[in-house]
Amino acid sequence: MGSNSSEVSLRVAEARTRDVGRLIVRIPQRYMRVLGIEPGEYVEIIGNKRSAYAQAWPAYTDDEDKDYIRMDGVLRQNAGVSIGDVVKVRRASLRSAQRVTIAPVGEYIRVDPDYLKRAYLHGKPVWKGSIIEIPYYTGSIRFMVTSVTPGPAAYVGIDTEVQVREEPVRETELAMPRVTWEDIGDLEEAKRKISQKP
């Protein structure tokens, strides 16, 4: 897995609602040009102690003049960063994975690996230790990637074999807690806005 030498520093901002759970980031187009990437290509987000991977898409029009990278709570958890932190971003050349193993977080849930691959994981970046959330009825199910071949990171392709481990991962094994302080802050801000409406 290689990357080019270009690297940019961007400030972490909250993802817009429509992008949550998609393993994507939004970056101003001028920075995408610096990185030499096209929409939908992969980037490595270098956090405080670890890295995460995502597909990069152009920023929304009102963000084009800002130095933001918009990413959802799961990606922030994977990168070990919070809203307002500065991260380094660079292009990532990922190959298609031969095999990916994931495990449910908390409790075992029977799920069809082929369905997961077709409906959610296809084209998505995966790396050992990363958390992914799969929409499930009115909520979502959390999984952790326990192995990727070849590693350290790859994407789920048409020929990738996806396996679901029966033994769940405990919440205490995760690198960061499920609910972060900025999530609570965002909830409080949302409640304030609702209460102020006439």
N, C-alpha and C. Protein backbone atom coordinates (compact mmCIF):
# COMPACT_ATOMS: atom_id res chain seq x y z
N MET A 1 0.85 -1.18 0.00
CA MET A 1 0.00 0.00 0.00
C MET A 1 0.89 1.23 0.00
N GLY A 2 0.71 2.12 -0.97
CA GLY A 2 1.53 3.31 -1.05
C GLY A 2 0.69 4.56 -1.02
N SER A 3 1.37 5.70 -0.95
CA SER A 3 0.68 6.98 -1.02
C SER A 3 1.65 7.98 -1.63
N ASN A 4 1.11 9.06 -2.19
CA ASN A 4 2.02 10.05 -2.74
C ASN A 4 2.53 10.93 -1.61
N SER A 5 3.42 11.85 -1.95
CA SER A 5 4.08 12.63 -0.90
C SER A 5 3.24 13.80 -0.42
N SER A 6 2.15 14.15 -1.15
CA SER A 6 1.33 15.29 -0.76
C SER A 6 0.53 14.98 0.50
N GLU A 7 0.46 15.98 1.38
CA GLU A 7 -0.25 15.82 2.64
C GLU A 7 -0.81 17.18 3.02
N VAL A 8 -2.04 17.20 3.52
CA VAL A 8 -2.64 18.46 3.95
C VAL A 8 -3.14 18.32 5.38
N SER A 9 -3.20 19.45 6.09
CA SER A 9 -3.72 19.47 7.46
C SER A 9 -5.09 20.14 7.45
N LEU A 10 -6.08 19.47 8.01
CA LEU A 10 -7.45 19.97 8.02
C LEU A 10 -8.06 19.82 9.41
N ARG A 11 -9.01 20.70 9.72
CA ARG A 11 -9.68 20.66 11.02
C ARG A 11 -10.93 19.79 10.95
N VAL A 12 -11.10 18.91 11.92
CA VAL A 12 -12.22 17.97 11.94
C VAL A 12 -13.52 18.69 12.26
N ALA A 13 -14.53 18.47 11.42
CA ALA A 13 -15.86 19.02 11.63
C ALA A 13 -16.87 17.87 11.55
N GLU A 14 -18.03 18.09 12.10
CA GLU A 14 -19.07 17.07 12.14
C GLU A 14 -19.62 16.81 10.74
N ALA A 15 -19.93 15.55 10.45
CA ALA A 15 -20.53 15.19 9.16
C ALA A 15 -21.96 15.70 9.09
N ARG A 16 -22.40 16.04 7.88
CA ARG A 16 -23.81 16.34 7.68
C ARG A 16 -24.60 15.04 7.79
N THR A 17 -25.86 15.15 8.16
CA THR A 17 -26.70 13.97 8.44
C THR A 17 -26.70 12.98 7.28
N ARG A 18 -26.76 13.46 6.06
CA ARG A 18 -26.86 12.55 4.90
C ARG A 18 -25.61 11.70 4.70
N ASP A 19 -24.48 12.10 5.31
CA ASP A 19 -23.23 11.38 5.12
C ASP A 19 -22.90 10.42 6.25
N VAL A 20 -23.68 10.44 7.33
CA VAL A 20 -23.38 9.61 8.50
C VAL A 20 -23.49 8.13 8.14
N GLY A 21 -22.49 7.35 8.55
CA GLY A 21 -22.50 5.91 8.35
C GLY A 21 -22.03 5.44 6.99
N ARG A 22 -21.53 6.37 6.15
CA ARG A 22 -21.14 5.99 4.79
C ARG A 22 -19.63 5.79 4.62
N LEU A 23 -18.85 5.97 5.69
CA LEU A 23 -17.39 5.86 5.64
C LEU A 23 -16.79 6.79 4.58
N ILE A 24 -17.33 8.03 4.54
CA ILE A 24 -16.81 9.03 3.62
C ILE A 24 -16.41 10.28 4.40
N VAL A 25 -15.55 11.07 3.79
CA VAL A 25 -15.22 12.39 4.32
C VAL A 25 -15.48 13.42 3.23
N ARG A 26 -15.71 14.65 3.64
CA ARG A 26 -15.89 15.77 2.71
C ARG A 26 -14.71 16.72 2.84
N ILE A 27 -14.07 17.01 1.70
CA ILE A 27 -12.87 17.84 1.67
C ILE A 27 -13.03 18.89 0.58
N PRO A 28 -12.64 20.16 0.84
CA PRO A 28 -12.70 21.17 -0.22
C PRO A 28 -11.93 20.72 -1.46
N GLN A 29 -12.48 21.05 -2.63
CA GLN A 29 -11.90 20.57 -3.88
C GLN A 29 -10.46 21.03 -4.08
N ARG A 30 -10.12 22.22 -3.57
CA ARG A 30 -8.74 22.68 -3.76
C ARG A 30 -7.76 21.75 -3.05
N TYR A 31 -8.18 21.16 -1.93
CA TYR A 31 -7.31 20.21 -1.24
C TYR A 31 -7.30 18.86 -1.94
N MET A 32 -8.42 18.48 -2.55
CA MET A 32 -8.44 17.24 -3.32
C MET A 32 -7.45 17.34 -4.48
N ARG A 33 -7.36 18.52 -5.08
CA ARG A 33 -6.40 18.72 -6.18
C ARG A 33 -4.96 18.61 -5.68
N VAL A 34 -4.70 19.19 -4.51
CA VAL A 34 -3.36 19.10 -3.92
C VAL A 34 -2.98 17.63 -3.69
N LEU A 35 -3.94 16.85 -3.21
CA LEU A 35 -3.70 15.44 -2.91
C LEU A 35 -3.68 14.57 -4.16
N GLY A 36 -4.17 15.12 -5.28
CA GLY A 36 -4.20 14.35 -6.52
C GLY A 36 -5.24 13.25 -6.51
N ILE A 37 -6.40 13.53 -5.91
CA ILE A 37 -7.45 12.50 -5.82
C ILE A 37 -8.71 12.97 -6.53
N GLU A 38 -9.45 12.00 -7.04
CA GLU A 38 -10.75 12.22 -7.66
C GLU A 38 -11.84 11.82 -6.65
N PRO A 39 -13.07 12.34 -6.83
CA PRO A 39 -14.16 11.96 -5.92
C PRO A 39 -14.33 10.44 -5.83
N GLY A 40 -14.45 9.94 -4.62
CA GLY A 40 -14.63 8.51 -4.39
C GLY A 40 -13.34 7.75 -4.16
N GLU A 41 -12.18 8.40 -4.37
CA GLU A 41 -10.91 7.73 -4.10
C GLU A 41 -10.62 7.76 -2.60
N TYR A 42 -9.64 6.97 -2.18
CA TYR A 42 -9.40 6.76 -0.76
C TYR A 42 -8.34 7.70 -0.20
N VAL A 43 -8.57 8.09 1.05
CA VAL A 43 -7.57 8.88 1.78
C VAL A 43 -7.29 8.23 3.12
N GLU A 44 -6.09 8.50 3.62
CA GLU A 44 -5.71 8.11 4.97
C GLU A 44 -5.81 9.35 5.85
N ILE A 45 -6.50 9.22 6.97
CA ILE A 45 -6.65 10.32 7.92
C ILE A 45 -5.78 9.98 9.13
N ILE A 46 -4.75 10.79 9.35
CA ILE A 46 -3.79 10.50 10.40
C ILE A 46 -4.17 11.29 11.65
N GLY A 47 -4.66 10.56 12.65
CA GLY A 47 -5.11 11.19 13.89
C GLY A 47 -4.00 11.32 14.90
N ASN A 48 -4.38 11.45 16.17
CA ASN A 48 -3.40 11.66 17.23
C ASN A 48 -2.52 10.44 17.46
N LYS A 49 -3.14 9.25 17.44
CA LYS A 49 -2.36 8.04 17.72
C LYS A 49 -2.56 6.95 16.67
N ARG A 50 -3.53 7.11 15.81
CA ARG A 50 -3.79 6.07 14.80
C ARG A 50 -4.43 6.68 13.57
N SER A 51 -4.53 5.87 12.53
CA SER A 51 -5.06 6.33 11.25
C SER A 51 -6.40 5.67 10.94
N ALA A 52 -7.17 6.35 10.11
CA ALA A 52 -8.41 5.80 9.58
C ALA A 52 -8.40 6.00 8.07
N TYR A 53 -9.28 5.31 7.38
CA TYR A 53 -9.37 5.41 5.93
C TYR A 53 -10.81 5.70 5.53
N ALA A 54 -10.97 6.43 4.45
CA ALA A 54 -12.32 6.78 4.00
C ALA A 54 -12.28 7.11 2.52
N GLN A 55 -13.46 7.13 1.90
CA GLN A 55 -13.59 7.66 0.55
C GLN A 55 -13.78 9.17 0.65
N ALA A 56 -13.09 9.91 -0.21
CA ALA A 56 -13.16 11.37 -0.17
C ALA A 56 -14.12 11.89 -1.22
N TRP A 57 -14.97 12.83 -0.80
CA TRP A 57 -15.91 13.48 -1.72
C TRP A 57 -15.79 14.99 -1.53
N PRO A 58 -16.13 15.77 -2.55
CA PRO A 58 -15.99 17.22 -2.44
C PRO A 58 -16.85 17.80 -1.32
N ALA A 59 -16.35 18.87 -0.71
CA ALA A 59 -17.07 19.56 0.35
C ALA A 59 -18.35 20.17 -0.21
N TYR A 60 -19.31 20.43 0.67
CA TYR A 60 -20.50 21.17 0.27
C TYR A 60 -20.09 22.60 -0.07
N THR A 61 -20.89 23.24 -0.90
CA THR A 61 -20.55 24.56 -1.42
C THR A 61 -20.18 25.56 -0.34
N ASP A 62 -20.93 25.57 0.77
CA ASP A 62 -20.65 26.55 1.82
C ASP A 62 -19.42 26.21 2.66
N ASP A 63 -18.80 25.05 2.39
CA ASP A 63 -17.56 24.67 3.09
C ASP A 63 -16.32 24.87 2.23
N GLU A 64 -16.50 25.22 0.96
CA GLU A 64 -15.36 25.26 0.04
C GLU A 64 -14.26 26.22 0.48
N ASP A 65 -14.63 27.30 1.19
CA ASP A 65 -13.61 28.27 1.60
C ASP A 65 -13.05 27.97 3.00
N LYS A 66 -13.44 26.82 3.57
CA LYS A 66 -12.98 26.46 4.92
C LYS A 66 -11.92 25.36 4.83
N ASP A 67 -11.15 25.23 5.90
CA ASP A 67 -10.12 24.18 5.96
C ASP A 67 -10.64 23.00 6.78
N TYR A 68 -11.83 22.51 6.40
CA TYR A 68 -12.50 21.46 7.16
C TYR A 68 -12.37 20.10 6.47
N ILE A 69 -12.40 19.06 7.29
CA ILE A 69 -12.68 17.71 6.81
C ILE A 69 -13.87 17.24 7.63
N ARG A 70 -14.99 17.00 6.97
CA ARG A 70 -16.19 16.56 7.68
C ARG A 70 -16.21 15.04 7.76
N MET A 71 -16.37 14.53 8.99
CA MET A 71 -16.38 13.08 9.19
C MET A 71 -17.32 12.74 10.34
N ASP A 72 -17.97 11.57 10.25
CA ASP A 72 -18.95 11.21 11.28
C ASP A 72 -18.29 10.64 12.52
N GLY A 73 -19.11 10.35 13.53
CA GLY A 73 -18.61 9.90 14.82
C GLY A 73 -17.82 8.60 14.75
N VAL A 74 -18.23 7.67 13.87
CA VAL A 74 -17.52 6.39 13.76
C VAL A 74 -16.13 6.61 13.18
N LEU A 75 -16.03 7.43 12.14
CA LEU A 75 -14.70 7.71 11.58
C LEU A 75 -13.83 8.46 12.57
N ARG A 76 -14.44 9.39 13.33
CA ARG A 76 -13.65 10.10 14.34
C ARG A 76 -13.14 9.12 15.39
N GLN A 77 -13.99 8.18 15.77
CA GLN A 77 -13.57 7.15 16.74
C GLN A 77 -12.42 6.33 16.16
N ASN A 78 -12.57 5.92 14.89
CA ASN A 78 -11.53 5.11 14.26
C ASN A 78 -10.19 5.84 14.19
N ALA A 79 -10.24 7.16 14.00
CA ALA A 79 -9.00 7.94 13.90
C ALA A 79 -8.52 8.44 15.26
N GLY A 80 -9.34 8.28 16.30
CA GLY A 80 -8.97 8.73 17.63
C GLY A 80 -8.96 10.24 17.76
N VAL A 81 -9.91 10.91 17.10
CA VAL A 81 -9.94 12.37 17.13
C VAL A 81 -11.33 12.87 17.51
N SER A 82 -11.39 14.16 17.87
CA SER A 82 -12.64 14.81 18.22
C SER A 82 -12.87 16.00 17.30
N ILE A 83 -14.08 16.52 17.31
CA ILE A 83 -14.40 17.72 16.54
C ILE A 83 -13.46 18.85 16.99
N GLY A 84 -12.89 19.54 16.02
CA GLY A 84 -11.97 20.64 16.32
C GLY A 84 -10.50 20.25 16.26
N ASP A 85 -10.20 18.94 16.30
CA ASP A 85 -8.81 18.50 16.18
C ASP A 85 -8.30 18.73 14.76
N VAL A 86 -7.00 18.83 14.61
CA VAL A 86 -6.39 18.95 13.29
C VAL A 86 -5.79 17.59 12.92
N VAL A 87 -6.10 17.12 11.72
CA VAL A 87 -5.57 15.84 11.24
C VAL A 87 -4.79 16.06 9.95
N LYS A 88 -3.89 15.14 9.65
CA LYS A 88 -3.20 15.14 8.36
C LYS A 88 -3.93 14.18 7.44
N VAL A 89 -4.03 14.55 6.18
CA VAL A 89 -4.76 13.73 5.21
C VAL A 89 -3.86 13.51 4.00
N ARG A 90 -3.81 12.29 3.53
CA ARG A 90 -3.04 11.98 2.32
C ARG A 90 -3.74 10.89 1.52
N ARG A 91 -3.37 10.83 0.27
CA ARG A 91 -3.96 9.83 -0.63
C ARG A 91 -3.54 8.43 -0.20
N ALA A 92 -4.46 7.49 -0.29
CA ALA A 92 -4.17 6.09 0.05
C ALA A 92 -4.44 5.21 -1.16
N SER A 93 -3.46 4.40 -1.53
CA SER A 93 -3.63 3.46 -2.65
C SER A 93 -3.98 2.09 -2.08
N LEU A 94 -5.28 1.82 -2.01
CA LEU A 94 -5.73 0.55 -1.42
C LEU A 94 -6.01 -0.49 -2.50
N ARG A 95 -5.69 -1.72 -2.16
CA ARG A 95 -6.02 -2.85 -3.05
C ARG A 95 -7.29 -3.53 -2.57
N SER A 96 -7.88 -4.32 -3.45
CA SER A 96 -9.06 -5.10 -3.08
C SER A 96 -8.65 -6.20 -2.11
N ALA A 97 -9.41 -6.34 -1.02
CA ALA A 97 -9.09 -7.37 -0.02
C ALA A 97 -9.46 -8.75 -0.54
N GLN A 98 -8.66 -9.75 -0.19
CA GLN A 98 -9.01 -11.13 -0.49
C GLN A 98 -10.02 -11.65 0.53
N ARG A 99 -9.77 -11.29 1.81
CA ARG A 99 -10.63 -11.78 2.89
C ARG A 99 -10.73 -10.73 3.98
N VAL A 100 -11.94 -10.55 4.51
CA VAL A 100 -12.18 -9.63 5.61
C VAL A 100 -13.02 -10.36 6.65
N THR A 101 -12.59 -10.30 7.91
CA THR A 101 -13.36 -10.89 9.00
C THR A 101 -13.83 -9.79 9.93
N ILE A 102 -15.12 -9.81 10.26
CA ILE A 102 -15.67 -8.82 11.19
C ILE A 102 -16.37 -9.54 12.33
N ALA A 103 -16.50 -8.86 13.46
CA ALA A 103 -17.17 -9.43 14.63
C ALA A 103 -18.15 -8.41 15.18
N PRO A 104 -19.33 -8.85 15.61
CA PRO A 104 -20.28 -7.91 16.21
C PRO A 104 -19.75 -7.38 17.53
N VAL A 105 -20.14 -6.17 17.88
CA VAL A 105 -19.72 -5.56 19.14
C VAL A 105 -20.85 -5.74 20.16
N GLY A 106 -20.51 -6.31 21.30
CA GLY A 106 -21.49 -6.43 22.38
C GLY A 106 -22.16 -7.79 22.45
N GLU A 107 -22.88 -8.17 21.40
CA GLU A 107 -23.56 -9.47 21.41
C GLU A 107 -23.63 -10.02 20.00
N TYR A 108 -23.74 -11.35 19.90
CA TYR A 108 -23.78 -11.98 18.59
C TYR A 108 -25.12 -11.77 17.91
N ILE A 109 -25.06 -11.38 16.66
CA ILE A 109 -26.27 -11.22 15.85
C ILE A 109 -26.05 -11.99 14.55
N ARG A 110 -26.98 -12.87 14.23
CA ARG A 110 -26.83 -13.66 13.01
C ARG A 110 -27.10 -12.77 11.80
N VAL A 111 -26.15 -12.72 10.89
CA VAL A 111 -26.29 -11.86 9.73
C VAL A 111 -25.60 -12.52 8.54
N ASP A 112 -26.15 -12.34 7.37
CA ASP A 112 -25.64 -12.97 6.15
C ASP A 112 -24.44 -12.16 5.64
N PRO A 113 -23.23 -12.75 5.61
CA PRO A 113 -22.05 -12.01 5.15
C PRO A 113 -22.18 -11.50 3.72
N ASP A 114 -22.82 -12.28 2.85
CA ASP A 114 -22.98 -11.84 1.45
C ASP A 114 -23.89 -10.63 1.36
N TYR A 115 -24.92 -10.59 2.21
CA TYR A 115 -25.80 -9.42 2.23
C TYR A 115 -25.04 -8.19 2.70
N LEU A 116 -24.25 -8.34 3.78
CA LEU A 116 -23.45 -7.23 4.27
C LEU A 116 -22.53 -6.69 3.19
N LYS A 117 -21.92 -7.61 2.47
CA LYS A 117 -20.98 -7.21 1.42
C LYS A 117 -21.69 -6.44 0.31
N ARG A 118 -22.80 -6.98 -0.16
CA ARG A 118 -23.53 -6.35 -1.27
C ARG A 118 -24.17 -5.03 -0.86
N ALA A 119 -24.82 -5.03 0.30
CA ALA A 119 -25.65 -3.89 0.69
C ALA A 119 -24.87 -2.75 1.34
N TYR A 120 -23.74 -3.07 1.97
CA TYR A 120 -23.08 -2.02 2.72
C TYR A 120 -21.57 -1.92 2.50
N LEU A 121 -20.88 -3.06 2.49
CA LEU A 121 -19.42 -3.02 2.54
C LEU A 121 -18.74 -2.84 1.19
N HIS A 122 -19.43 -3.14 0.11
CA HIS A 122 -18.76 -3.10 -1.20
C HIS A 122 -18.18 -1.71 -1.48
N GLY A 123 -16.89 -1.70 -1.79
CA GLY A 123 -16.20 -0.45 -2.09
C GLY A 123 -15.68 0.30 -0.88
N LYS A 124 -16.04 -0.17 0.33
CA LYS A 124 -15.66 0.54 1.55
C LYS A 124 -14.25 0.14 2.00
N PRO A 125 -13.51 1.09 2.58
CA PRO A 125 -12.19 0.75 3.13
C PRO A 125 -12.33 0.01 4.45
N VAL A 126 -11.45 -0.96 4.69
CA VAL A 126 -11.45 -1.73 5.94
C VAL A 126 -10.01 -1.90 6.41
N TRP A 127 -9.84 -1.92 7.72
CA TRP A 127 -8.53 -2.16 8.31
C TRP A 127 -8.74 -2.74 9.70
N LYS A 128 -7.78 -3.51 10.18
CA LYS A 128 -7.93 -4.21 11.46
C LYS A 128 -8.16 -3.22 12.58
N GLY A 129 -9.19 -3.50 13.40
CA GLY A 129 -9.51 -2.65 14.53
C GLY A 129 -10.53 -1.57 14.24
N SER A 130 -10.87 -1.40 12.96
CA SER A 130 -11.82 -0.33 12.62
C SER A 130 -13.25 -0.75 12.97
N ILE A 131 -14.05 0.25 13.33
CA ILE A 131 -15.46 0.04 13.67
C ILE A 131 -16.30 0.43 12.46
N ILE A 132 -17.32 -0.38 12.18
CA ILE A 132 -18.27 -0.03 11.13
C ILE A 132 -19.68 -0.17 11.73
N GLU A 133 -20.59 0.64 11.25
CA GLU A 133 -21.98 0.56 11.70
C GLU A 133 -22.86 0.20 10.51
N ILE A 134 -23.67 -0.83 10.70
CA ILE A 134 -24.57 -1.30 9.65
C ILE A 134 -26.00 -0.90 10.02
N PRO A 135 -26.71 -0.17 9.15
CA PRO A 135 -28.10 0.19 9.46
C PRO A 135 -28.93 -1.07 9.72
N TYR A 136 -29.78 -1.01 10.74
CA TYR A 136 -30.59 -2.17 11.12
C TYR A 136 -31.91 -1.67 11.69
N TYR A 137 -32.98 -1.85 10.93
CA TYR A 137 -34.31 -1.34 11.29
C TYR A 137 -34.21 0.14 11.64
N THR A 138 -34.54 0.53 12.87
CA THR A 138 -34.52 1.96 13.22
C THR A 138 -33.17 2.41 13.78
N GLY A 139 -32.24 1.47 13.96
CA GLY A 139 -30.94 1.83 14.53
C GLY A 139 -29.80 1.30 13.69
N SER A 140 -28.78 0.80 14.35
CA SER A 140 -27.63 0.25 13.64
C SER A 140 -26.94 -0.79 14.51
N ILE A 141 -26.19 -1.68 13.86
CA ILE A 141 -25.39 -2.70 14.54
C ILE A 141 -23.93 -2.34 14.32
N ARG A 142 -23.14 -2.43 15.40
CA ARG A 142 -21.72 -2.13 15.29
C ARG A 142 -20.91 -3.41 15.15
N PHE A 143 -19.94 -3.36 14.23
CA PHE A 143 -19.00 -4.46 14.03
C PHE A 143 -17.58 -3.90 14.11
N MET A 144 -16.65 -4.79 14.47
CA MET A 144 -15.25 -4.43 14.41
C MET A 144 -14.55 -5.34 13.41
N VAL A 145 -13.70 -4.77 12.59
CA VAL A 145 -12.92 -5.56 11.64
C VAL A 145 -11.78 -6.22 12.42
N THR A 146 -11.75 -7.55 12.41
CA THR A 146 -10.73 -8.27 13.18
C THR A 146 -9.56 -8.73 12.33
N SER A 147 -9.74 -8.82 11.02
CA SER A 147 -8.59 -9.15 10.16
C SER A 147 -8.88 -8.74 8.72
N VAL A 148 -7.82 -8.35 8.02
CA VAL A 148 -7.89 -7.96 6.61
C VAL A 148 -6.71 -8.59 5.88
N THR A 149 -6.98 -9.28 4.78
CA THR A 149 -5.92 -9.87 3.96
C THR A 149 -6.08 -9.39 2.52
N PRO A 150 -5.08 -8.72 1.90
CA PRO A 150 -3.82 -8.31 2.54
C PRO A 150 -4.00 -7.05 3.37
N GLY A 151 -3.21 -6.90 4.41
CA GLY A 151 -3.27 -5.72 5.27
C GLY A 151 -2.23 -4.71 4.88
N PRO A 152 -2.12 -3.61 5.60
CA PRO A 152 -2.92 -3.33 6.80
C PRO A 152 -4.31 -2.80 6.47
N ALA A 153 -4.49 -2.23 5.27
CA ALA A 153 -5.81 -1.70 4.89
C ALA A 153 -6.09 -2.07 3.44
N ALA A 154 -7.37 -2.23 3.14
CA ALA A 154 -7.78 -2.59 1.78
C ALA A 154 -9.22 -2.12 1.61
N TYR A 155 -9.83 -2.43 0.47
CA TYR A 155 -11.25 -2.14 0.32
C TYR A 155 -11.98 -3.44 -0.05
N VAL A 156 -13.27 -3.47 0.21
CA VAL A 156 -14.07 -4.65 -0.07
C VAL A 156 -14.48 -4.62 -1.54
N GLY A 157 -13.99 -5.59 -2.29
CA GLY A 157 -14.29 -5.67 -3.72
C GLY A 157 -15.26 -6.79 -4.03
N ILE A 158 -15.53 -6.97 -5.31
CA ILE A 158 -16.48 -7.98 -5.76
C ILE A 158 -16.06 -9.39 -5.35
N ASP A 159 -14.75 -9.67 -5.36
CA ASP A 159 -14.26 -11.01 -5.06
C ASP A 159 -13.83 -11.18 -3.60
N THR A 160 -14.02 -10.16 -2.78
CA THR A 160 -13.61 -10.26 -1.38
C THR A 160 -14.52 -11.23 -0.62
N GLU A 161 -13.89 -12.14 0.14
CA GLU A 161 -14.66 -13.05 1.00
C GLU A 161 -14.87 -12.36 2.34
N VAL A 162 -16.13 -12.17 2.73
CA VAL A 162 -16.46 -11.54 4.02
C VAL A 162 -16.92 -12.62 4.98
N GLN A 163 -16.26 -12.68 6.14
CA GLN A 163 -16.64 -13.65 7.18
C GLN A 163 -17.11 -12.89 8.42
N VAL A 164 -18.14 -13.42 9.08
CA VAL A 164 -18.63 -12.82 10.32
C VAL A 164 -18.32 -13.77 11.47
N ARG A 165 -17.49 -13.32 12.40
CA ARG A 165 -17.10 -14.14 13.54
C ARG A 165 -18.27 -14.25 14.52
N GLU A 166 -18.47 -15.43 15.08
CA GLU A 166 -19.58 -15.61 16.02
C GLU A 166 -19.29 -14.99 17.37
N GLU A 167 -18.02 -15.05 17.80
CA GLU A 167 -17.68 -14.51 19.12
C GLU A 167 -17.67 -12.98 19.06
N PRO A 168 -18.52 -12.31 19.84
CA PRO A 168 -18.58 -10.84 19.77
C PRO A 168 -17.38 -10.18 20.44
N VAL A 169 -17.17 -8.93 20.07
CA VAL A 169 -16.15 -8.10 20.70
C VAL A 169 -16.85 -7.33 21.82
N ARG A 170 -16.24 -7.28 22.99
CA ARG A 170 -16.84 -6.53 24.11
C ARG A 170 -16.57 -5.04 23.95
N GLU A 171 -17.50 -4.22 24.42
CA GLU A 171 -17.34 -2.76 24.35
C GLU A 171 -16.03 -2.32 25.00
N THR A 172 -15.62 -3.03 26.05
CA THR A 172 -14.41 -2.63 26.77
C THR A 172 -13.15 -2.86 25.94
N GLU A 173 -13.24 -3.67 24.87
CA GLU A 173 -12.07 -3.93 24.02
C GLU A 173 -11.87 -2.83 22.98
N LEU A 174 -12.87 -1.95 22.82
CA LEU A 174 -12.76 -0.91 21.81
C LEU A 174 -11.76 0.15 22.25
N ALA A 175 -11.14 0.77 21.25
CA ALA A 175 -10.11 1.77 21.55
C ALA A 175 -10.69 3.03 22.17
N MET A 176 -11.95 3.35 21.83
CA MET A 176 -12.60 4.54 22.38
C MET A 176 -14.02 4.18 22.78
N PRO A 177 -14.63 4.91 23.71
CA PRO A 177 -16.01 4.62 24.11
C PRO A 177 -16.98 4.87 22.97
N ARG A 178 -18.12 4.20 23.04
CA ARG A 178 -19.13 4.35 21.99
C ARG A 178 -19.66 5.78 21.93
N VAL A 179 -19.97 6.37 23.07
CA VAL A 179 -20.48 7.74 23.10
C VAL A 179 -19.34 8.67 23.49
N THR A 180 -19.07 9.66 22.65
CA THR A 180 -18.00 10.60 22.93
C THR A 180 -18.59 11.90 23.47
N TRP A 181 -17.75 12.71 24.10
CA TRP A 181 -18.23 13.95 24.70
C TRP A 181 -18.84 14.88 23.67
N GLU A 182 -18.23 14.91 22.45
CA GLU A 182 -18.80 15.84 21.46
C GLU A 182 -20.16 15.36 20.98
N ASP A 183 -20.41 14.04 21.02
CA ASP A 183 -21.75 13.55 20.68
C ASP A 183 -22.77 14.08 21.68
N ILE A 184 -22.41 14.04 22.96
CA ILE A 184 -23.31 14.55 24.00
C ILE A 184 -23.52 16.05 23.80
N GLY A 185 -22.43 16.75 23.49
CA GLY A 185 -22.53 18.19 23.24
C GLY A 185 -23.44 18.50 22.08
N ASP A 186 -23.30 17.72 21.01
CA ASP A 186 -24.15 17.93 19.83
C ASP A 186 -25.62 17.72 20.18
N LEU A 187 -25.88 16.71 21.01
CA LEU A 187 -27.25 16.42 21.42
C LEU A 187 -27.82 17.59 22.22
N GLU A 188 -27.02 18.13 23.13
CA GLU A 188 -27.47 19.26 23.93
C GLU A 188 -27.76 20.47 23.05
N GLU A 189 -26.89 20.69 22.05
CA GLU A 189 -27.09 21.83 21.15
C GLU A 189 -28.38 21.64 20.34
N ALA A 190 -28.61 20.41 19.89
CA ALA A 190 -29.82 20.13 19.13
C ALA A 190 -31.06 20.34 19.99
N LYS A 191 -30.99 19.93 21.25
CA LYS A 191 -32.13 20.11 22.15
C LYS A 191 -32.41 21.59 22.40
N ARG A 192 -31.33 22.38 22.51
CA ARG A 192 -31.50 23.83 22.71
C ARG A 192 -32.19 24.45 21.51
N LYS A 193 -31.74 24.05 20.30
CA LYS A 193 -32.34 24.63 19.09
C LYS A 193 -33.83 24.28 18.98
N ILE A 194 -34.16 23.04 19.34
CA ILE A 194 -35.56 22.61 19.28
C ILE A 194 -36.40 23.41 20.27
N SER A 195 -35.84 23.59 21.50
CA SER A 195 -36.60 24.29 22.54
C SER A 195 -36.80 25.78 22.22
N GLN A 196 -35.94 26.32 21.35
CA GLN A 196 -36.05 27.75 21.01
C GLN A 196 -37.05 28.01 19.89
N LYS A 197 -37.48 26.94 19.23
CA LYS A 197 -38.44 27.12 18.12
C LYS A 197 -39.79 27.58 18.66
N PRO A 198 -40.44 28.52 17.96
CA PRO A 198 -41.76 29.01 18.42
C PRO A 198 -42.83 27.93 18.39
